[in-house]
Each structure stands twice: as C-alpha cells, then as structure tokens.
Amino acid sequence: MQLHLRLGALIDEMLDGRILLEEAAAEFERLYIEKALRRNRQHLTNTAKALGIHRNTLSKRVATYEEQTRPAQPKTRRAAG
C-alpha cells in the first residue's frame, strides 16, 4: 500500500506539471532499467532476467538511451567535385 500512495503523489505532481503519459512512461522505463543495470553491475544478461525481458531487447534500449545522451555530432560538409 505504501508504494501505491507514493506513486499516487508522484502522479499528482506530474499531472500538475503537465507531463504527458508517453514522456512519463519513457522516463520511468529508463530509470528502472538504469537502476537494474547498476544492481547487476552492468551485466546485461542478469539485468534482462531481473526485468523479465530478452537480452536483445535490453541491449537495444540501452543503445537508444546512450544515443539520446550523446552530444550531437556536427555534420561535416563534403567538398564538391
């Protein structure tokens, strides 16, 4: 019951801040996976088992998160010719 009350309060805060469901769900998933990875010392197979998802699914999501946090690379211009 304690978890339910804490989540309820957090959801109220998010609704007051006009956080969209998709954004909230994506952020929750990302934080959940990051925490699970830390608990499993970055071991993908053990983390995937703990989360109940396939290792490949976890790898793809982690790669997506890393891509999102990487600074954008400046586009280089090719020389004409």
PDB file of N, CA and C in Angstrom:
ATOM      1  N   MET A   1       0.822  -1.196   0.000  1.00  0.00           N
ATOM      2  CA  MET A   1       0.000   0.000   0.000  1.00  0.00           C
ATOM      3  C   MET A   1       0.865   1.259   0.000  1.00  0.00           C
ATOM      4  N   GLN A   2       1.979   1.226   0.683  1.00  0.00           N
ATOM      5  CA  GLN A   2       2.883   2.375   0.746  1.00  0.00           C
ATOM      6  C   GLN A   2       3.321   2.782  -0.651  1.00  0.00           C
ATOM      7  N   LEU A   3       3.663   1.814  -1.503  1.00  0.00           N
ATOM      8  CA  LEU A   3       4.083   2.101  -2.866  1.00  0.00           C
ATOM      9  C   LEU A   3       2.961   2.799  -3.633  1.00  0.00           C
ATOM     10  N   HIS A   4       1.762   2.317  -3.456  1.00  0.00           N
ATOM     11  CA  HIS A   4       0.599   2.899  -4.139  1.00  0.00           C
ATOM     12  C   HIS A   4       0.427   4.381  -3.765  1.00  0.00           C
ATOM     13  N   LEU A   5       0.577   4.693  -2.499  1.00  0.00           N
ATOM     14  CA  LEU A   5       0.440   6.086  -2.045  1.00  0.00           C
ATOM     15  C   LEU A   5       1.553   6.967  -2.595  1.00  0.00           C
ATOM     16  N   ARG A   6       2.788   6.459  -2.587  1.00  0.00           N
ATOM     17  CA  ARG A   6       3.920   7.229  -3.100  1.00  0.00           C
ATOM     18  C   ARG A   6       3.784   7.473  -4.595  1.00  0.00           C
ATOM     19  N   LEU A   7       3.371   6.451  -5.330  1.00  0.00           N
ATOM     20  CA  LEU A   7       3.169   6.624  -6.770  1.00  0.00           C
ATOM     21  C   LEU A   7       2.039   7.607  -7.052  1.00  0.00           C
ATOM     22  N   GLY A   8       0.987   7.524  -6.260  1.00  0.00           N
ATOM     23  CA  GLY A   8      -0.138   8.439  -6.423  1.00  0.00           C
ATOM     24  C   GLY A   8       0.290   9.888  -6.258  1.00  0.00           C
ATOM     25  N   ALA A   9       1.110  10.154  -5.251  1.00  0.00           N
ATOM     26  CA  ALA A   9       1.598  11.512  -5.018  1.00  0.00           C
ATOM     27  C   ALA A   9       2.491  11.974  -6.173  1.00  0.00           C
ATOM     28  N   LEU A  10       3.327  11.082  -6.664  1.00  0.00           N
ATOM     29  CA  LEU A  10       4.199  11.420  -7.788  1.00  0.00           C
ATOM     30  C   LEU A  10       3.377  11.704  -9.048  1.00  0.00           C
ATOM     31  N   ILE A  11       2.362  10.908  -9.280  1.00  0.00           N
ATOM     32  CA  ILE A  11       1.496  11.115 -10.447  1.00  0.00           C
ATOM     33  C   ILE A  11       0.775  12.457 -10.344  1.00  0.00           C
ATOM     34  N   ASP A  12       0.311  12.813  -9.156  1.00  0.00           N
ATOM     35  CA  ASP A  12      -0.321  14.125  -8.971  1.00  0.00           C
ATOM     36  C   ASP A  12       0.640  15.244  -9.354  1.00  0.00           C
ATOM     37  N   GLU A  13       1.896  15.135  -8.916  1.00  0.00           N
ATOM     38  CA  GLU A  13       2.907  16.136  -9.252  1.00  0.00           C
ATOM     39  C   GLU A  13       3.108  16.225 -10.759  1.00  0.00           C
ATOM     40  N   MET A  14       3.167  15.072 -11.402  1.00  0.00           N
ATOM     41  CA  MET A  14       3.402  15.039 -12.845  1.00  0.00           C
ATOM     42  C   MET A  14       2.215  15.619 -13.612  1.00  0.00           C
ATOM     43  N   LEU A  15       1.021  15.316 -13.154  1.00  0.00           N
ATOM     44  CA  LEU A  15      -0.166  15.878 -13.803  1.00  0.00           C
ATOM     45  C   LEU A  15      -0.227  17.390 -13.616  1.00  0.00           C
ATOM     46  N   ASP A  16       0.116  17.861 -12.432  1.00  0.00           N
ATOM     47  CA  ASP A  16       0.152  19.306 -12.184  1.00  0.00           C
ATOM     48  C   ASP A  16       1.190  19.990 -13.075  1.00  0.00           C
ATOM     49  N   GLY A  17       2.279  19.285 -13.355  1.00  0.00           N
ATOM     50  CA  GLY A  17       3.328  19.823 -14.214  1.00  0.00           C
ATOM     51  C   GLY A  17       3.080  19.582 -15.687  1.00  0.00           C
ATOM     52  N   ARG A  18       1.932  19.012 -15.989  1.00  0.00           N
ATOM     53  CA  ARG A  18       1.525  18.748 -17.375  1.00  0.00           C
ATOM     54  C   ARG A  18       2.499  17.833 -18.114  1.00  0.00           C
ATOM     55  N   ILE A  19       2.984  16.812 -17.412  1.00  0.00           N
ATOM     56  CA  ILE A  19       3.840  15.798 -18.030  1.00  0.00           C
ATOM     57  C   ILE A  19       2.934  14.825 -18.770  1.00  0.00           C
ATOM     58  N   LEU A  20       3.218  14.600 -20.037  1.00  0.00           N
ATOM     59  CA  LEU A  20       2.407  13.696 -20.840  1.00  0.00           C
ATOM     60  C   LEU A  20       2.690  12.237 -20.467  1.00  0.00           C
ATOM     61  N   LEU A  21       1.696  11.390 -20.653  1.00  0.00           N
ATOM     62  CA  LEU A  21       1.814   9.973 -20.298  1.00  0.00           C
ATOM     63  C   LEU A  21       3.008   9.326 -20.992  1.00  0.00           C
ATOM     64  N   GLU A  22       3.164   9.577 -22.281  1.00  0.00           N
ATOM     65  CA  GLU A  22       4.259   8.959 -23.029  1.00  0.00           C
ATOM     66  C   GLU A  22       5.615   9.349 -22.454  1.00  0.00           C
ATOM     67  N   GLU A  23       5.758  10.620 -22.121  1.00  0.00           N
ATOM     68  CA  GLU A  23       7.007  11.108 -21.535  1.00  0.00           C
ATOM     69  C   GLU A  23       7.246  10.480 -20.162  1.00  0.00           C
ATOM     70  N   ALA A  24       6.204  10.402 -19.353  1.00  0.00           N
ATOM     71  CA  ALA A  24       6.325   9.822 -18.016  1.00  0.00           C
ATOM     72  C   ALA A  24       6.701   8.346 -18.087  1.00  0.00           C
ATOM     73  N   ALA A  25       6.048   7.611 -18.977  1.00  0.00           N
ATOM     74  CA  ALA A  25       6.314   6.177 -19.117  1.00  0.00           C
ATOM     75  C   ALA A  25       7.742   5.941 -19.607  1.00  0.00           C
ATOM     76  N   ALA A  26       8.181   6.740 -20.577  1.00  0.00           N
ATOM     77  CA  ALA A  26       9.532   6.585 -21.115  1.00  0.00           C
ATOM     78  C   ALA A  26      10.586   6.871 -20.047  1.00  0.00           C
ATOM     79  N   GLU A  27      10.378   7.912 -19.263  1.00  0.00           N
ATOM     80  CA  GLU A  27      11.336   8.267 -18.211  1.00  0.00           C
ATOM     81  C   GLU A  27      11.358   7.205 -17.114  1.00  0.00           C
ATOM     82  N   PHE A  28      10.180   6.695 -16.751  1.00  0.00           N
ATOM     83  CA  PHE A  28      10.117   5.641 -15.741  1.00  0.00           C
ATOM     84  C   PHE A  28      10.889   4.412 -16.223  1.00  0.00           C
ATOM     85  N   GLU A  29      10.643   4.012 -17.470  1.00  0.00           N
ATOM     86  CA  GLU A  29      11.323   2.832 -18.015  1.00  0.00           C
ATOM     87  C   GLU A  29      12.833   3.023 -18.006  1.00  0.00           C
ATOM     88  N   ARG A  30      13.271   4.182 -18.441  1.00  0.00           N
ATOM     89  CA  ARG A  30      14.709   4.449 -18.494  1.00  0.00           C
ATOM     90  C   ARG A  30      15.348   4.371 -17.101  1.00  0.00           C
ATOM     91  N   LEU A  31      14.735   5.027 -16.137  1.00  0.00           N
ATOM     92  CA  LEU A  31      15.268   4.997 -14.769  1.00  0.00           C
ATOM     93  C   LEU A  31      15.231   3.594 -14.173  1.00  0.00           C
ATOM     94  N   TYR A  32      14.179   2.853 -14.458  1.00  0.00           N
ATOM     95  CA  TYR A  32      14.034   1.484 -13.956  1.00  0.00           C
ATOM     96  C   TYR A  32      15.154   0.601 -14.505  1.00  0.00           C
ATOM     97  N   ILE A  33      15.407   0.724 -15.797  1.00  0.00           N
ATOM     98  CA  ILE A  33      16.469  -0.066 -16.432  1.00  0.00           C
ATOM     99  C   ILE A  33      17.835   0.352 -15.909  1.00  0.00           C
ATOM    100  N   GLU A  34      18.082   1.651 -15.772  1.00  0.00           N
ATOM    101  CA  GLU A  34      19.367   2.118 -15.263  1.00  0.00           C
ATOM    102  C   GLU A  34      19.631   1.593 -13.858  1.00  0.00           C
ATOM    103  N   LYS A  35      18.608   1.614 -13.019  1.00  0.00           N
ATOM    104  CA  LYS A  35      18.750   1.110 -11.641  1.00  0.00           C
ATOM    105  C   LYS A  35      19.029  -0.388 -11.648  1.00  0.00           C
ATOM    106  N   ALA A  36      18.302  -1.133 -12.487  1.00  0.00           N
ATOM    107  CA  ALA A  36      18.505  -2.583 -12.582  1.00  0.00           C
ATOM    108  C   ALA A  36      19.921  -2.892 -13.078  1.00  0.00           C
ATOM    109  N   LEU A  37      20.413  -2.116 -14.033  1.00  0.00           N
ATOM    110  CA  LEU A  37      21.779  -2.321 -14.523  1.00  0.00           C
ATOM    111  C   LEU A  37      22.802  -2.091 -13.410  1.00  0.00           C
ATOM    112  N   ARG A  38      22.606  -1.039 -12.616  1.00  0.00           N
ATOM    113  CA  ARG A  38      23.531  -0.780 -11.503  1.00  0.00           C
ATOM    114  C   ARG A  38      23.506  -1.932 -10.502  1.00  0.00           C
ATOM    115  N   ARG A  39      22.310  -2.414 -10.190  1.00  0.00           N
ATOM    116  CA  ARG A  39      22.203  -3.527  -9.236  1.00  0.00           C
ATOM    117  C   ARG A  39      22.887  -4.791  -9.737  1.00  0.00           C
ATOM    118  N   ASN A  40      22.906  -4.952 -11.052  1.00  0.00           N
ATOM    119  CA  ASN A  40      23.507  -6.132 -11.657  1.00  0.00           C
ATOM    120  C   ASN A  40      24.887  -5.840 -12.240  1.00  0.00           C
ATOM    121  N   ARG A  41      25.483  -4.761 -11.783  1.00  0.00           N
ATOM    122  CA  ARG A  41      26.840  -4.369 -12.175  1.00  0.00           C
ATOM    123  C   ARG A  41      27.023  -4.352 -13.688  1.00  0.00           C
ATOM    124  N   GLN A  42      26.029  -3.780 -14.370  1.00  0.00           N
ATOM    125  CA  GLN A  42      26.036  -3.583 -15.820  1.00  0.00           C
ATOM    126  C   GLN A  42      26.003  -4.897 -16.610  1.00  0.00           C
ATOM    127  N   HIS A  43      25.735  -6.012 -15.965  1.00  0.00           N
ATOM    128  CA  HIS A  43      25.668  -7.305 -16.644  1.00  0.00           C
ATOM    129  C   HIS A  43      24.318  -7.423 -17.347  1.00  0.00           C
ATOM    130  N   LEU A  44      24.333  -7.392 -18.682  1.00  0.00           N
ATOM    131  CA  LEU A  44      23.096  -7.337 -19.455  1.00  0.00           C
ATOM    132  C   LEU A  44      22.216  -8.576 -19.287  1.00  0.00           C
ATOM    133  N   THR A  45      22.806  -9.751 -19.307  1.00  0.00           N
ATOM    134  CA  THR A  45      22.005 -10.974 -19.202  1.00  0.00           C
ATOM    135  C   THR A  45      21.285 -11.044 -17.860  1.00  0.00           C
ATOM    136  N   ASN A  46      22.012 -10.774 -16.787  1.00  0.00           N
ATOM    137  CA  ASN A  46      21.392 -10.815 -15.459  1.00  0.00           C
ATOM    138  C   ASN A  46      20.330  -9.728 -15.308  1.00  0.00           C
ATOM    139  N   THR A  47      20.608  -8.563 -15.858  1.00  0.00           N
ATOM    140  CA  THR A  47      19.638  -7.466 -15.793  1.00  0.00           C
ATOM    141  C   THR A  47      18.379  -7.813 -16.576  1.00  0.00           C
ATOM    142  N   ALA A  48      18.539  -8.357 -17.772  1.00  0.00           N
ATOM    143  CA  ALA A  48      17.386  -8.744 -18.590  1.00  0.00           C
ATOM    144  C   ALA A  48      16.531  -9.777 -17.850  1.00  0.00           C
ATOM    145  N   LYS A  49      17.172 -10.740 -17.206  1.00  0.00           N
ATOM    146  CA  LYS A  49      16.423 -11.748 -16.427  1.00  0.00           C
ATOM    147  C   LYS A  49      15.656 -11.086 -15.286  1.00  0.00           C
ATOM    148  N   ALA A  50      16.305 -10.151 -14.597  1.00  0.00           N
ATOM    149  CA  ALA A  50      15.657  -9.466 -13.474  1.00  0.00           C
ATOM    150  C   ALA A  50      14.447  -8.651 -13.944  1.00  0.00           C
ATOM    151  N   LEU A  51      14.537  -8.110 -15.152  1.00  0.00           N
ATOM    152  CA  LEU A  51      13.453  -7.291 -15.693  1.00  0.00           C
ATOM    153  C   LEU A  51      12.395  -8.117 -16.411  1.00  0.00           C
ATOM    154  N   GLY A  52      12.717  -9.369 -16.722  1.00  0.00           N
ATOM    155  CA  GLY A  52      11.766 -10.216 -17.427  1.00  0.00           C
ATOM    156  C   GLY A  52      11.662  -9.888 -18.912  1.00  0.00           C
ATOM    157  N   ILE A  53      12.776  -9.403 -19.490  1.00  0.00           N
ATOM    158  CA  ILE A  53      12.789  -9.114 -20.919  1.00  0.00           C
ATOM    159  C   ILE A  53      13.967  -9.841 -21.560  1.00  0.00           C
ATOM    160  N   HIS A  54      13.954  -9.930 -22.876  1.00  0.00           N
ATOM    161  CA  HIS A  54      15.030 -10.589 -23.600  1.00  0.00           C
ATOM    162  C   HIS A  54      16.278  -9.706 -23.582  1.00  0.00           C
ATOM    163  N   ARG A  55      17.437 -10.335 -23.570  1.00  0.00           N
ATOM    164  CA  ARG A  55      18.701  -9.600 -23.538  1.00  0.00           C
ATOM    165  C   ARG A  55      18.831  -8.657 -24.732  1.00  0.00           C
ATOM    166  N   ASN A  56      18.403  -9.096 -25.919  1.00  0.00           N
ATOM    167  CA  ASN A  56      18.496  -8.243 -27.107  1.00  0.00           C
ATOM    168  C   ASN A  56      17.627  -6.992 -26.966  1.00  0.00           C
ATOM    169  N   THR A  57      16.463  -7.153 -26.368  1.00  0.00           N
ATOM    170  CA  THR A  57      15.576  -6.008 -26.129  1.00  0.00           C
ATOM    171  C   THR A  57      16.268  -5.007 -25.212  1.00  0.00           C
ATOM    172  N   LEU A  58      16.874  -5.502 -24.152  1.00  0.00           N
ATOM    173  CA  LEU A  58      17.592  -4.630 -23.221  1.00  0.00           C
ATOM    174  C   LEU A  58      18.750  -3.929 -23.920  1.00  0.00           C
ATOM    175  N   SER A  59      19.517  -4.665 -24.711  1.00  0.00           N
ATOM    176  CA  SER A  59      20.648  -4.076 -25.428  1.00  0.00           C
ATOM    177  C   SER A  59      20.203  -2.935 -26.336  1.00  0.00           C
ATOM    178  N   LYS A  60      19.106  -3.138 -27.057  1.00  0.00           N
ATOM    179  CA  LYS A  60      18.602  -2.108 -27.960  1.00  0.00           C
ATOM    180  C   LYS A  60      18.159  -0.870 -27.191  1.00  0.00           C
ATOM    181  N   ARG A  61      17.487  -1.081 -26.072  1.00  0.00           N
ATOM    182  CA  ARG A  61      17.029   0.071 -25.283  1.00  0.00           C
ATOM    183  C   ARG A  61      18.199   0.833 -24.684  1.00  0.00           C
ATOM    184  N   VAL A  62      19.190   0.115 -24.185  1.00  0.00           N
ATOM    185  CA  VAL A  62      20.377   0.769 -23.621  1.00  0.00           C
ATOM    186  C   VAL A  62      21.089   1.564 -24.709  1.00  0.00           C
ATOM    187  N   ALA A  63      21.208   0.993 -25.908  1.00  0.00           N
ATOM    188  CA  ALA A  63      21.847   1.702 -27.016  1.00  0.00           C
ATOM    189  C   ALA A  63      21.069   2.974 -27.361  1.00  0.00           C
ATOM    190  N   THR A  64      19.753   2.901 -27.327  1.00  0.00           N
ATOM    191  CA  THR A  64      18.922   4.072 -27.601  1.00  0.00           C
ATOM    192  C   THR A  64      19.152   5.148 -26.547  1.00  0.00           C
ATOM    193  N   TYR A  65      19.214   4.753 -25.279  1.00  0.00           N
ATOM    194  CA  TYR A  65      19.442   5.721 -24.208  1.00  0.00           C
ATOM    195  C   TYR A  65      20.811   6.384 -24.368  1.00  0.00           C
ATOM    196  N   GLU A  66      21.816   5.588 -24.699  1.00  0.00           N
ATOM    197  CA  GLU A  66      23.159   6.131 -24.877  1.00  0.00           C
ATOM    198  C   GLU A  66      23.197   7.106 -26.051  1.00  0.00           C
ATOM    199  N   GLU A  67      22.475   6.764 -27.109  1.00  0.00           N
ATOM    200  CA  GLU A  67      22.395   7.626 -28.283  1.00  0.00           C
ATOM    201  C   GLU A  67      21.742   8.966 -27.934  1.00  0.00           C
ATOM    202  N   GLN A  68      20.719   8.919 -27.102  1.00  0.00           N
ATOM    203  CA  GLN A  68      19.995  10.129 -26.721  1.00  0.00           C
ATOM    204  C   GLN A  68      20.834  11.044 -25.834  1.00  0.00           C
ATOM    205  N   THR A  69      21.742  10.473 -25.062  1.00  0.00           N
ATOM    206  CA  THR A  69      22.541  11.287 -24.146  1.00  0.00           C
ATOM    207  C   THR A  69      23.856  11.737 -24.760  1.00  0.00           C
ATOM    208  N   ARG A  70      24.254  11.129 -25.867  1.00  0.00           N
ATOM    209  CA  ARG A  70      25.475  11.522 -26.548  1.00  0.00           C
ATOM    210  C   ARG A  70      25.282  12.897 -27.185  1.00  0.00           C
ATOM    211  N   PRO A  71      26.269  13.782 -27.071  1.00  0.00           N
ATOM    212  CA  PRO A  71      26.127  15.083 -27.719  1.00  0.00           C
ATOM    213  C   PRO A  71      26.032  14.913 -29.237  1.00  0.00           C
ATOM    214  N   ALA A  72      25.250  15.754 -29.858  1.00  0.00           N
ATOM    215  CA  ALA A  72      25.075  15.672 -31.309  1.00  0.00           C
ATOM    216  C   ALA A  72      26.403  15.988 -32.002  1.00  0.00           C
ATOM    217  N   GLN A  73      26.737  15.164 -32.967  1.00  0.00           N
ATOM    218  CA  GLN A  73      27.956  15.369 -33.747  1.00  0.00           C
ATOM    219  C   GLN A  73      27.683  16.403 -34.830  1.00  0.00           C
ATOM    220  N   PRO A  74      28.573  17.358 -34.988  1.00  0.00           N
ATOM    221  CA  PRO A  74      28.360  18.331 -36.057  1.00  0.00           C
ATOM    222  C   PRO A  74      28.474  17.638 -37.416  1.00  0.00           C
ATOM    223  N   LYS A  75      27.611  18.053 -38.326  1.00  0.00           N
ATOM    224  CA  LYS A  75      27.641  17.473 -39.669  1.00  0.00           C
ATOM    225  C   LYS A  75      28.808  18.091 -40.439  1.00  0.00           C
ATOM    226  N   THR A  76      29.537  17.228 -41.103  1.00  0.00           N
ATOM    227  CA  THR A  76      30.649  17.724 -41.901  1.00  0.00           C
ATOM    228  C   THR A  76      30.179  17.909 -43.333  1.00  0.00           C
ATOM    229  N   ARG A  77      30.729  18.901 -43.952  1.00  0.00           N
ATOM    230  CA  ARG A  77      30.374  19.179 -45.347  1.00  0.00           C
ATOM    231  C   ARG A  77      31.370  18.501 -46.258  1.00  0.00           C
ATOM    232  N   ARG A  78      30.862  17.917 -47.295  1.00  0.00           N
ATOM    233  CA  ARG A  78      31.735  17.285 -48.278  1.00  0.00           C
ATOM    234  C   ARG A  78      32.161  18.323 -49.306  1.00  0.00           C
ATOM    235  N   ALA A  79      33.341  18.164 -49.768  1.00  0.00           N
ATOM    236  CA  ALA A  79      33.820  19.051 -50.822  1.00  0.00           C
ATOM    237  C   ALA A  79      33.159  18.671 -52.135  1.00  0.00           C
ATOM    238  N   ALA A  80      32.757  19.643 -52.892  1.00  0.00           N
ATOM    239  CA  ALA A  80      32.131  19.367 -54.190  1.00  0.00           C
ATOM    240  C   ALA A  80      33.197  18.900 -55.163  1.00  0.00           C
ATOM    241  N   GLY A  81      32.800  17.975 -56.002  1.00  0.00           N
ATOM    242  CA  GLY A  81      33.752  17.609 -57.028  1.00  0.00           C
ATOM    243  C   GLY A  81      33.815  16.228 -57.347  1.00  0.00           C
TER     244      GLY A  81
END
